[in-house]
Every structure is written in C-alpha cells, then in structure tokens.
C-alpha cells in the first residue's frame, strides 16, 4: 500500500512523528533502497519506504515464517519438477523456489493479520498527513 505524502514532509519529520507513537522505530538506509522507517510490531516488522511523494508500506514476516516459506517453495518446486519429468527431481537450489515460497508466506501472513495491517496503515497515514510539524 502507498501512503500519500500530501504535506511533503521530509523523512526525518515523518520519522520523528512515528517514533513518538512507536518508540522502537528506526530509520535506516538499506543498500540500493530508499530510506526506510522500520517499526517492530511483535515478532515482525513494518517497513515504510520513503519516496518524495509517498511512503510504501511493506512488512517483514518473522524469521521462522520466512524459513518455512523457503522450505515450502522448494517442496512445491520439487513436486512440480517431479510431475513434469515423471520421476523424482529434488530441487535444492535456485532462486525461483525461494521467491515463490516468500510470496506465499507474505500473502498468508498478511491475510491472517489483516486487521493489524489495516490499523497500522491507518495510523501511519494519519501521522504522515497530519498538520503537526515534527521538527
């Protein structure tokens, strides 16, 4: 989801306002990515990736879910290859099973916690577009 930055606040202003509501929030600049505000929530994290006109809301599922997703992706890919070649073909490597597994896990995780995600997106939208100046 995208949150429009209608007041054209800087990432530092948005971060200071988010940090007032979520004290564990951190501002980081990942390699080859825009500045990101990371908000821990239980055992997973919300990510607010800063772009000039908007913030992109994403999340990182718990590590155990991520590992499970990768294993599920490899399992699904092994089954598909075995059906395709009509013999047991074990898929050990490759990025396709990992991506498939991560996409499945992210979809399942988000659908099981839809209320929490909607609540966070609404609160973040209110903080970003409020008239209060953080700095």
C-alpha atoms as a PDB file:
ATOM      1  CA  UNK A   1       0.000   0.000   0.000  1.00  0.00           C
ATOM      2  CA  UNK A   2       1.083   3.568  -0.580  1.00  0.00           C
ATOM      3  CA  UNK A   3       0.553   6.471   1.810  1.00  0.00           C
ATOM      4  CA  UNK A   4       0.481   9.813   0.033  1.00  0.00           C
ATOM      5  CA  UNK A   5       2.843  12.411   1.499  1.00  0.00           C
ATOM      6  CA  UNK A   6       0.435  15.286   0.848  1.00  0.00           C
ATOM      7  CA  UNK A   7       2.280  17.690   3.159  1.00  0.00           C
ATOM      8  CA  UNK A   8       5.673  16.946   1.530  1.00  0.00           C
ATOM      9  CA  UNK A   9       7.299  16.137   4.869  1.00  0.00           C
ATOM     10  CA  UNK A  10      10.893  15.020   4.953  1.00  0.00           C
ATOM     11  CA  UNK A  11      11.762  11.532   6.086  1.00  0.00           C
ATOM     12  CA  UNK A  12      13.180  12.949   9.340  1.00  0.00           C
ATOM     13  CA  UNK A  13       9.894  14.726  10.135  1.00  0.00           C
ATOM     14  CA  UNK A  14       7.882  11.600   9.438  1.00  0.00           C
ATOM     15  CA  UNK A  15      10.315   9.504  11.466  1.00  0.00           C
ATOM     16  CA  UNK A  16      10.120  11.795  14.498  1.00  0.00           C
ATOM     17  CA  UNK A  17       6.312  11.646  14.471  1.00  0.00           C
ATOM     18  CA  UNK A  18       6.278   7.868  14.021  1.00  0.00           C
ATOM     19  CA  UNK A  19       8.851   7.466  16.789  1.00  0.00           C
ATOM     20  CA  UNK A  20       6.558   9.325  19.215  1.00  0.00           C
ATOM     21  CA  UNK A  21       3.906   6.621  18.702  1.00  0.00           C
ATOM     22  CA  UNK A  22       6.290   3.709  18.154  1.00  0.00           C
ATOM     23  CA  UNK A  23       9.408   4.294  20.319  1.00  0.00           C
ATOM     24  CA  UNK A  24      11.267   1.269  18.865  1.00  0.00           C
ATOM     25  CA  UNK A  25      11.101   2.650  15.304  1.00  0.00           C
ATOM     26  CA  UNK A  26      14.406   3.017  13.442  1.00  0.00           C
ATOM     27  CA  UNK A  27      15.434   4.973  10.363  1.00  0.00           C
ATOM     28  CA  UNK A  28      17.796   3.078   8.057  1.00  0.00           C
ATOM     29  CA  UNK A  29      19.169   3.359   4.548  1.00  0.00           C
ATOM     30  CA  UNK A  30      19.377  -0.190   3.132  1.00  0.00           C
ATOM     31  CA  UNK A  31      21.778  -0.824   0.274  1.00  0.00           C
ATOM     32  CA  UNK A  32      20.234   0.214  -3.080  1.00  0.00           C
ATOM     33  CA  UNK A  33      16.899   1.086  -1.417  1.00  0.00           C
ATOM     34  CA  UNK A  34      15.245   4.311  -0.359  1.00  0.00           C
ATOM     35  CA  UNK A  35      15.401   5.419   3.270  1.00  0.00           C
ATOM     36  CA  UNK A  36      13.203   3.130   5.320  1.00  0.00           C
ATOM     37  CA  UNK A  37      11.469   3.552   8.655  1.00  0.00           C
ATOM     38  CA  UNK A  38      11.380   0.174  10.403  1.00  0.00           C
ATOM     39  CA  UNK A  39       8.649  -0.292  13.019  1.00  0.00           C
ATOM     40  CA  UNK A  40       8.900  -3.523  15.069  1.00  0.00           C
ATOM     41  CA  UNK A  41       5.486  -4.986  15.877  1.00  0.00           C
ATOM     42  CA  UNK A  42       5.613  -8.174  17.909  1.00  0.00           C
ATOM     43  CA  UNK A  43       7.796 -10.680  16.054  1.00  0.00           C
ATOM     44  CA  UNK A  44       7.603  -8.980  12.648  1.00  0.00           C
ATOM     45  CA  UNK A  45       8.382  -5.515  11.273  1.00  0.00           C
ATOM     46  CA  UNK A  46       6.527  -2.911   9.272  1.00  0.00           C
ATOM     47  CA  UNK A  47       8.579  -1.045   6.668  1.00  0.00           C
ATOM     48  CA  UNK A  48       7.788   2.472   5.469  1.00  0.00           C
ATOM     49  CA  UNK A  49       9.939   3.117   2.408  1.00  0.00           C
ATOM     50  CA  UNK A  50      10.270   6.858   1.811  1.00  0.00           C
ATOM     51  CA  UNK A  51       9.757   8.265  -1.660  1.00  0.00           C
ATOM     52  CA  UNK A  52       9.287  12.013  -2.199  1.00  0.00           C
ATOM     53  CA  UNK A  53       5.514  11.945  -2.862  1.00  0.00           C
ATOM     54  CA  UNK A  54       4.546   8.822  -0.921  1.00  0.00           C
ATOM     55  CA  UNK A  55       5.592   6.116   1.509  1.00  0.00           C
ATOM     56  CA  UNK A  56       5.337   2.476   0.528  1.00  0.00           C
ATOM     57  CA  UNK A  57       4.100   0.239   3.343  1.00  0.00           C
ATOM     58  CA  UNK A  58       5.529  -3.266   3.463  1.00  0.00           C
ATOM     59  CA  UNK A  59       6.462  -5.787   6.139  1.00  0.00           C
ATOM     60  CA  UNK A  60       8.974  -8.467   7.025  1.00  0.00           C
ATOM     61  CA  UNK A  61       7.425 -11.657   8.395  1.00  0.00           C
ATOM     62  CA  UNK A  62       9.043 -13.478  11.325  1.00  0.00           C
ATOM     63  CA  UNK A  63      12.190 -15.458  10.547  1.00  0.00           C
ATOM     64  CA  UNK A  64      10.509 -18.809  11.246  1.00  0.00           C
ATOM     65  CA  UNK A  65       7.764 -17.947   8.721  1.00  0.00           C
ATOM     66  CA  UNK A  66      10.400 -16.928   6.168  1.00  0.00           C
ATOM     67  CA  UNK A  67      12.328 -20.168   6.586  1.00  0.00           C
ATOM     68  CA  UNK A  68       9.079 -22.107   6.360  1.00  0.00           C
ATOM     69  CA  UNK A  69       8.207 -20.253   3.162  1.00  0.00           C
ATOM     70  CA  UNK A  70      11.534 -21.089   1.569  1.00  0.00           C
ATOM     71  CA  UNK A  71      11.155 -24.761   2.504  1.00  0.00           C
ATOM     72  CA  UNK A  72       7.586 -24.777   1.179  1.00  0.00           C
ATOM     73  CA  UNK A  73       8.785 -23.168  -2.072  1.00  0.00           C
ATOM     74  CA  UNK A  74      11.431 -25.829  -2.512  1.00  0.00           C
ATOM     75  CA  UNK A  75       8.857 -28.531  -1.761  1.00  0.00           C
ATOM     76  CA  UNK A  76       6.376 -27.144  -4.278  1.00  0.00           C
ATOM     77  CA  UNK A  77       9.077 -26.748  -6.913  1.00  0.00           C
ATOM     78  CA  UNK A  78      10.289 -30.318  -6.289  1.00  0.00           C
ATOM     79  CA  UNK A  79       6.738 -31.614  -6.762  1.00  0.00           C
ATOM     80  CA  UNK A  80       6.264 -29.591  -9.965  1.00  0.00           C
ATOM     81  CA  UNK A  81       9.581 -30.771 -11.432  1.00  0.00           C
ATOM     82  CA  UNK A  82       8.825 -34.374 -10.450  1.00  0.00           C
ATOM     83  CA  UNK A  83       5.435 -34.206 -12.159  1.00  0.00           C
ATOM     84  CA  UNK A  84       6.934 -32.538 -15.235  1.00  0.00           C
ATOM     85  CA  UNK A  85       9.771 -35.074 -15.667  1.00  0.00           C
ATOM     86  CA  UNK A  86       7.736 -38.048 -14.324  1.00  0.00           C
ATOM     87  CA  UNK A  87      10.478 -39.027 -11.887  1.00  0.00           C
ATOM     88  CA  UNK A  88      11.735 -37.705  -8.564  1.00  0.00           C
ATOM     89  CA  UNK A  89      13.657 -34.477  -9.153  1.00  0.00           C
ATOM     90  CA  UNK A  90      14.789 -32.779  -5.943  1.00  0.00           C
ATOM     91  CA  UNK A  91      15.071 -29.010  -6.236  1.00  0.00           C
ATOM     92  CA  UNK A  92      17.929 -27.991  -3.962  1.00  0.00           C
ATOM     93  CA  UNK A  93      18.973 -24.611  -5.316  1.00  0.00           C
ATOM     94  CA  UNK A  94      17.714 -21.772  -7.352  1.00  0.00           C
ATOM     95  CA  UNK A  95      16.019 -18.504  -6.659  1.00  0.00           C
ATOM     96  CA  UNK A  96      12.603 -19.343  -8.139  1.00  0.00           C
ATOM     97  CA  UNK A  97      11.527 -21.669  -5.284  1.00  0.00           C
ATOM     98  CA  UNK A  98      12.671 -19.121  -2.717  1.00  0.00           C
ATOM     99  CA  UNK A  99      10.708 -16.313  -4.367  1.00  0.00           C
ATOM    100  CA  UNK A 100       7.596 -18.488  -4.718  1.00  0.00           C
ATOM    101  CA  UNK A 101       7.822 -19.509  -1.060  1.00  0.00           C
ATOM    102  CA  UNK A 102       8.342 -15.960   0.176  1.00  0.00           C
ATOM    103  CA  UNK A 103       5.405 -14.658  -1.855  1.00  0.00           C
ATOM    104  CA  UNK A 104       3.144 -17.394  -0.498  1.00  0.00           C
ATOM    105  CA  UNK A 105       4.237 -16.746   3.099  1.00  0.00           C
ATOM    106  CA  UNK A 106       3.815 -12.980   2.779  1.00  0.00           C
ATOM    107  CA  UNK A 107       0.305 -13.436   1.381  1.00  0.00           C
ATOM    108  CA  UNK A 108      -0.710 -15.911   4.095  1.00  0.00           C
ATOM    109  CA  UNK A 109       0.860 -13.843   6.884  1.00  0.00           C
ATOM    110  CA  UNK A 110      -0.802 -10.636   5.719  1.00  0.00           C
ATOM    111  CA  UNK A 111      -4.218 -12.256   5.268  1.00  0.00           C
ATOM    112  CA  UNK A 112      -4.136 -13.779   8.760  1.00  0.00           C
ATOM    113  CA  UNK A 113      -3.348 -10.381  10.314  1.00  0.00           C
ATOM    114  CA  UNK A 114      -5.438  -8.139   8.085  1.00  0.00           C
ATOM    115  CA  UNK A 115      -6.848  -6.090  10.989  1.00  0.00           C
ATOM    116  CA  UNK A 116      -3.384  -5.316  12.399  1.00  0.00           C
ATOM    117  CA  UNK A 117      -2.131  -4.247   8.970  1.00  0.00           C
ATOM    118  CA  UNK A 118      -5.159  -2.028   8.322  1.00  0.00           C
ATOM    119  CA  UNK A 119      -4.817  -0.441  11.764  1.00  0.00           C
ATOM    120  CA  UNK A 120      -1.112   0.300  11.227  1.00  0.00           C
ATOM    121  CA  UNK A 121      -1.702   1.707   7.722  1.00  0.00           C
ATOM    122  CA  UNK A 122      -4.471   3.994   9.019  1.00  0.00           C
ATOM    123  CA  UNK A 123      -2.329   5.233  11.913  1.00  0.00           C
ATOM    124  CA  UNK A 124       0.709   5.785   9.668  1.00  0.00           C
ATOM    125  CA  UNK A 125      -1.471   7.651   7.155  1.00  0.00           C
ATOM    126  CA  UNK A 126      -2.770   9.897   9.933  1.00  0.00           C
ATOM    127  CA  UNK A 127       0.775  10.599  11.211  1.00  0.00           C
ATOM    128  CA  UNK A 128       2.184  11.338   7.751  1.00  0.00           C
ATOM    129  CA  UNK A 129      -0.645  13.626   6.694  1.00  0.00           C
ATOM    130  CA  UNK A 130      -1.282  15.433   9.989  1.00  0.00           C
ATOM    131  CA  UNK A 131      -0.613  19.154  10.166  1.00  0.00           C
ATOM    132  CA  UNK A 132       1.696  18.725  13.181  1.00  0.00           C
ATOM    133  CA  UNK A 133       5.293  19.569  12.274  1.00  0.00           C
ATOM    134  CA  UNK A 134       7.645  17.057  13.924  1.00  0.00           C
ATOM    135  CA  UNK A 135      10.889  19.100  13.723  1.00  0.00           C
END
